[in-house]
Amino acid sequence: MTSTIILKTDSKLKQKAQQTAEELGLTLTSVINGYLSDFVETKKITFQTKKNIKQNTDPYGIFAGANITEDDIDSITKSWMKKIDAI
């Protein structure tokens, strides 16, 4: 079962977040669900400042250089969704 969360955010931030997610092959919904799952599991909130974020042009984003295939990323995404469904 899924639920809808309605939140307010800056429209430019939303647009940039959607574009970034798309560049990584994700939807904004899957990114937010991943963050929510991590928040529940770790009970921690983690943010980076802009000066700590490196510009990355690799399509695998944080997985760059890790020899991870698209099937691996699909598997990770499915794993997140199972955890979310279990909550």
Protein backbone atom coordinates (compact mmCIF):
# COMPACT_ATOMS: atom_id res chain seq x y z
CA MET A 1 0.00 0.00 0.00
CA THR A 2 1.27 3.47 -0.77
CA SER A 3 0.45 6.88 0.66
CA THR A 4 0.79 10.35 -0.76
CA ILE A 5 2.88 13.02 0.95
CA ILE A 6 2.17 16.61 0.03
CA LEU A 7 4.95 19.06 0.76
CA LYS A 8 5.90 22.55 -0.28
CA THR A 9 9.28 23.27 -1.78
CA ASP A 10 10.83 25.86 -4.03
CA SER A 11 9.77 25.17 -7.64
CA LYS A 12 13.32 25.65 -8.95
CA LEU A 13 14.65 23.19 -6.36
CA LYS A 14 12.01 20.63 -7.35
CA GLN A 15 12.87 21.04 -11.03
CA LYS A 16 16.60 20.63 -10.36
CA ALA A 17 15.95 17.60 -8.12
CA GLN A 18 13.82 15.95 -10.81
CA GLN A 19 16.51 16.61 -13.42
CA THR A 20 19.25 15.24 -11.17
CA ALA A 21 17.23 12.12 -10.37
CA GLU A 22 16.57 11.60 -14.08
CA GLU A 23 20.29 11.94 -14.85
CA LEU A 24 20.90 9.13 -12.33
CA GLY A 25 18.16 7.00 -13.90
CA LEU A 26 15.79 7.48 -10.96
CA THR A 27 12.48 9.15 -10.27
CA LEU A 28 12.18 11.85 -7.65
CA THR A 29 9.72 9.57 -5.83
CA SER A 30 12.32 6.78 -5.59
CA VAL A 31 14.93 9.25 -4.29
CA ILE A 32 12.59 10.59 -1.60
CA ASN A 33 11.49 7.05 -0.65
CA GLY A 34 15.14 6.05 -0.34
CA TYR A 35 15.84 9.01 1.95
CA LEU A 36 12.76 8.25 4.06
CA SER A 37 13.74 4.59 4.36
CA ASP A 38 17.29 5.54 5.40
CA PHE A 39 15.93 8.10 7.90
CA VAL A 40 13.69 5.49 9.53
CA GLU A 41 16.41 2.84 9.57
CA THR A 42 19.27 5.00 10.87
CA LYS A 43 17.31 7.67 12.77
CA LYS A 44 19.75 10.21 11.33
CA ILE A 45 19.40 13.20 9.05
CA THR A 46 22.36 13.87 6.79
CA PHE A 47 22.82 16.92 4.59
CA GLN A 48 25.83 18.12 2.64
CA THR A 49 26.74 21.69 1.99
CA LYS A 50 27.38 22.76 -1.59
CA LYS A 51 31.11 23.04 -1.01
CA ASN A 52 31.21 19.34 -0.01
CA ILE A 53 29.42 18.16 -3.16
CA LYS A 54 31.62 17.17 -6.08
CA GLN A 55 30.39 17.67 -9.61
CA ASN A 56 29.88 14.20 -11.07
CA THR A 57 29.14 13.58 -14.73
CA ASP A 58 29.15 9.78 -14.42
CA PRO A 59 25.66 8.36 -15.07
CA TYR A 60 26.00 6.12 -12.02
CA GLY A 61 26.45 9.03 -9.61
CA ILE A 62 27.54 7.78 -6.20
CA PHE A 63 28.21 4.33 -7.67
CA ALA A 64 30.86 5.65 -10.08
CA GLY A 65 33.88 3.42 -10.39
CA ALA A 66 32.31 0.62 -8.38
CA ASN A 67 31.72 -1.71 -11.36
CA ILE A 68 27.99 -1.66 -10.67
CA THR A 69 25.66 -2.55 -13.52
CA GLU A 70 22.18 -1.23 -14.21
CA ASP A 71 20.86 -4.61 -12.98
CA ASP A 72 22.65 -3.98 -9.66
CA ILE A 73 21.03 -0.56 -9.37
CA ASP A 74 17.62 -2.09 -10.16
CA SER A 75 18.24 -4.68 -7.44
CA ILE A 76 19.16 -1.98 -4.91
CA THR A 77 16.06 0.03 -5.82
CA LYS A 78 13.84 -3.04 -5.42
CA SER A 79 15.48 -3.70 -2.04
CA TRP A 80 14.61 -0.16 -0.90
CA MET A 81 11.04 -0.61 -2.05
CA LYS A 82 10.71 -3.86 -0.06
CA LYS A 83 11.95 -2.06 3.05
CA ILE A 84 9.50 0.77 2.45
CA ASP A 85 6.62 -1.66 1.94
CA ALA A 86 7.54 -3.36 5.22
CA ILE A 87 7.18 -0.13 7.18
